[in-house]
Amino acid sequence: MTGRFKKPNPCENMNHRRPNAPVSHCPECGGVVNGSLPARSCSEAEHAAARRRQAVFCVHCGTQLIFNR
């Protein structure tokens, strides 16, 4: 019966538990939290704003924003 149950994600972000997360990627681990939302390309200005909010990953495209943590 493998594949029947989802493996729990070790990330503490609540988007992993939501059935309809408002973003496509998790800001803490970069994992996909809502696969029905299309990934989009982001501008550097959007990534800079996400870094100021201390997001490690972009919630729209999944790019790693902060490397030294």
N, C-alpha and C. Protein backbone atom coordinates (compact mmCIF):
# COMPACT_ATOMS: atom_id res chain seq x y z
N MET A 1 0.81 -1.19 0.00
CA MET A 1 0.00 0.00 0.00
C MET A 1 0.85 1.25 0.00
N THR A 2 1.94 1.23 -0.68
CA THR A 2 2.77 2.42 -0.74
C THR A 2 2.13 3.44 -1.66
N GLY A 3 2.40 4.70 -1.40
CA GLY A 3 1.85 5.77 -2.18
C GLY A 3 0.45 6.20 -1.77
N ARG A 4 -0.11 5.51 -0.81
CA ARG A 4 -1.46 5.83 -0.36
C ARG A 4 -1.49 7.03 0.57
N PHE A 5 -0.50 7.12 1.41
CA PHE A 5 -0.44 8.21 2.38
C PHE A 5 0.72 9.12 2.05
N LYS A 6 0.49 10.43 2.21
CA LYS A 6 1.57 11.39 1.99
C LYS A 6 2.57 11.33 3.12
N LYS A 7 3.82 11.39 2.78
CA LYS A 7 4.88 11.44 3.79
C LYS A 7 4.84 12.82 4.44
N PRO A 8 4.85 12.89 5.77
CA PRO A 8 4.79 14.20 6.43
C PRO A 8 6.04 15.02 6.12
N ASN A 9 5.84 16.29 5.90
CA ASN A 9 6.94 17.20 5.61
C ASN A 9 7.50 17.71 6.93
N PRO A 10 8.82 17.69 7.11
CA PRO A 10 9.41 18.18 8.36
C PRO A 10 9.34 19.70 8.53
N CYS A 11 8.96 20.42 7.48
CA CYS A 11 8.87 21.88 7.54
C CYS A 11 7.70 22.28 8.44
N GLU A 12 7.88 23.31 9.23
CA GLU A 12 6.87 23.78 10.17
C GLU A 12 5.90 24.78 9.56
N ASN A 13 6.12 25.21 8.31
CA ASN A 13 5.26 26.20 7.69
C ASN A 13 3.85 25.65 7.51
N MET A 14 2.86 26.44 7.88
CA MET A 14 1.47 26.00 7.85
C MET A 14 0.92 25.78 6.44
N ASN A 15 1.55 26.33 5.42
CA ASN A 15 1.07 26.13 4.05
C ASN A 15 1.08 24.65 3.66
N HIS A 16 1.94 23.85 4.27
CA HIS A 16 1.99 22.42 3.95
C HIS A 16 0.73 21.70 4.42
N ARG A 17 0.05 22.25 5.40
CA ARG A 17 -1.14 21.61 5.96
C ARG A 17 -2.43 22.11 5.32
N ARG A 18 -2.34 23.16 4.53
CA ARG A 18 -3.53 23.75 3.91
C ARG A 18 -3.88 23.03 2.61
N PRO A 19 -5.13 22.67 2.42
CA PRO A 19 -5.51 21.99 1.18
C PRO A 19 -5.48 22.92 -0.04
N ASN A 20 -5.59 24.22 0.17
CA ASN A 20 -5.57 25.19 -0.94
C ASN A 20 -4.68 26.37 -0.57
N ALA A 21 -3.40 26.13 -0.42
CA ALA A 21 -2.46 27.19 -0.04
C ALA A 21 -2.48 28.31 -1.09
N PRO A 22 -2.36 29.57 -0.66
CA PRO A 22 -2.44 30.69 -1.60
C PRO A 22 -1.16 30.91 -2.41
N VAL A 23 -0.11 30.17 -2.11
CA VAL A 23 1.16 30.30 -2.83
C VAL A 23 1.57 28.94 -3.37
N SER A 24 2.43 28.94 -4.39
CA SER A 24 2.83 27.66 -4.97
C SER A 24 4.00 27.00 -4.25
N HIS A 25 4.87 27.78 -3.61
CA HIS A 25 6.05 27.23 -2.92
C HIS A 25 6.11 27.71 -1.48
N CYS A 26 6.73 26.92 -0.64
CA CYS A 26 6.91 27.27 0.77
C CYS A 26 8.06 28.27 0.91
N PRO A 27 7.89 29.36 1.70
CA PRO A 27 8.96 30.33 1.87
C PRO A 27 10.10 29.83 2.76
N GLU A 28 9.89 28.74 3.48
CA GLU A 28 10.92 28.23 4.40
C GLU A 28 11.74 27.08 3.81
N CYS A 29 11.09 26.16 3.07
CA CYS A 29 11.83 25.01 2.55
C CYS A 29 11.86 24.97 1.02
N GLY A 30 11.01 25.76 0.36
CA GLY A 30 10.99 25.81 -1.10
C GLY A 30 10.16 24.70 -1.74
N GLY A 31 9.59 23.83 -0.93
CA GLY A 31 8.78 22.74 -1.47
C GLY A 31 7.48 23.24 -2.05
N VAL A 32 6.93 22.49 -2.99
CA VAL A 32 5.65 22.85 -3.60
C VAL A 32 4.53 22.60 -2.59
N VAL A 33 3.72 23.61 -2.33
CA VAL A 33 2.59 23.47 -1.41
C VAL A 33 1.26 23.53 -2.13
N ASN A 34 1.23 24.09 -3.33
CA ASN A 34 0.01 24.11 -4.14
C ASN A 34 0.42 23.93 -5.60
N GLY A 35 0.38 22.70 -6.05
CA GLY A 35 0.80 22.38 -7.41
C GLY A 35 -0.16 22.88 -8.48
N SER A 36 -1.37 23.28 -8.10
CA SER A 36 -2.32 23.77 -9.10
C SER A 36 -2.05 25.22 -9.50
N LEU A 37 -1.24 25.93 -8.70
CA LEU A 37 -0.84 27.29 -9.07
C LEU A 37 0.39 27.21 -9.95
N PRO A 38 0.37 27.85 -11.10
CA PRO A 38 1.54 27.78 -11.99
C PRO A 38 2.71 28.58 -11.42
N ALA A 39 3.90 28.02 -11.54
CA ALA A 39 5.10 28.75 -11.14
C ALA A 39 5.30 29.88 -12.14
N ARG A 40 5.73 31.02 -11.65
CA ARG A 40 5.92 32.15 -12.56
C ARG A 40 7.33 32.70 -12.40
N SER A 41 7.77 33.42 -13.40
CA SER A 41 9.08 34.05 -13.29
C SER A 41 8.92 35.37 -12.55
N CYS A 42 9.84 35.64 -11.67
CA CYS A 42 9.77 36.82 -10.81
C CYS A 42 10.87 37.80 -11.18
N SER A 43 10.65 39.05 -10.83
CA SER A 43 11.67 40.07 -11.06
C SER A 43 12.62 40.11 -9.87
N GLU A 44 13.76 40.72 -10.08
CA GLU A 44 14.72 40.87 -8.98
C GLU A 44 14.15 41.76 -7.88
N ALA A 45 13.31 42.72 -8.25
CA ALA A 45 12.69 43.58 -7.24
C ALA A 45 11.76 42.78 -6.32
N GLU A 46 11.02 41.81 -6.90
CA GLU A 46 10.16 40.96 -6.07
C GLU A 46 11.00 40.07 -5.16
N HIS A 47 12.11 39.56 -5.66
CA HIS A 47 12.99 38.73 -4.84
C HIS A 47 13.64 39.56 -3.74
N ALA A 48 14.01 40.81 -4.04
CA ALA A 48 14.59 41.68 -3.02
C ALA A 48 13.58 41.96 -1.90
N ALA A 49 12.32 42.17 -2.27
CA ALA A 49 11.28 42.42 -1.26
C ALA A 49 11.08 41.17 -0.40
N ALA A 50 11.14 39.99 -1.00
CA ALA A 50 10.99 38.74 -0.24
C ALA A 50 12.17 38.55 0.71
N ARG A 51 13.37 38.93 0.28
CA ARG A 51 14.56 38.84 1.16
C ARG A 51 14.38 39.75 2.37
N ARG A 52 13.83 40.93 2.16
CA ARG A 52 13.59 41.86 3.28
C ARG A 52 12.59 41.28 4.27
N ARG A 53 11.67 40.46 3.77
CA ARG A 53 10.71 39.78 4.66
C ARG A 53 11.32 38.51 5.25
N GLN A 54 12.58 38.26 4.93
CA GLN A 54 13.36 37.12 5.42
C GLN A 54 12.83 35.78 4.94
N ALA A 55 12.25 35.75 3.73
CA ALA A 55 11.85 34.49 3.11
C ALA A 55 13.11 33.83 2.54
N VAL A 56 13.30 32.58 2.84
CA VAL A 56 14.47 31.86 2.34
C VAL A 56 14.27 31.47 0.87
N PHE A 57 13.02 31.17 0.51
CA PHE A 57 12.67 30.79 -0.86
C PHE A 57 11.54 31.68 -1.36
N CYS A 58 11.50 31.90 -2.67
CA CYS A 58 10.42 32.68 -3.28
C CYS A 58 9.15 31.83 -3.31
N VAL A 59 8.02 32.39 -2.89
CA VAL A 59 6.77 31.65 -2.84
C VAL A 59 6.15 31.49 -4.23
N HIS A 60 6.62 32.24 -5.22
CA HIS A 60 6.05 32.17 -6.55
C HIS A 60 6.82 31.24 -7.48
N CYS A 61 8.15 31.27 -7.42
CA CYS A 61 8.94 30.46 -8.35
C CYS A 61 9.79 29.40 -7.66
N GLY A 62 9.95 29.48 -6.34
CA GLY A 62 10.71 28.47 -5.60
C GLY A 62 12.21 28.70 -5.56
N THR A 63 12.69 29.82 -6.09
CA THR A 63 14.12 30.13 -6.10
C THR A 63 14.62 30.39 -4.68
N GLN A 64 15.80 29.84 -4.37
CA GLN A 64 16.40 30.09 -3.06
C GLN A 64 16.92 31.51 -3.03
N LEU A 65 16.49 32.29 -2.03
CA LEU A 65 16.83 33.71 -1.94
C LEU A 65 17.93 34.00 -0.92
N ILE A 66 17.96 33.26 0.17
CA ILE A 66 18.94 33.46 1.24
C ILE A 66 19.75 32.18 1.36
N PHE A 67 21.07 32.28 1.29
CA PHE A 67 21.91 31.09 1.28
C PHE A 67 22.61 30.83 2.61
N ASN A 68 22.90 31.85 3.38
CA ASN A 68 23.63 31.67 4.64
C ASN A 68 22.67 31.73 5.80
N ARG A 69 22.16 30.57 6.19
CA ARG A 69 21.24 30.53 7.31
C ARG A 69 21.57 29.41 8.20
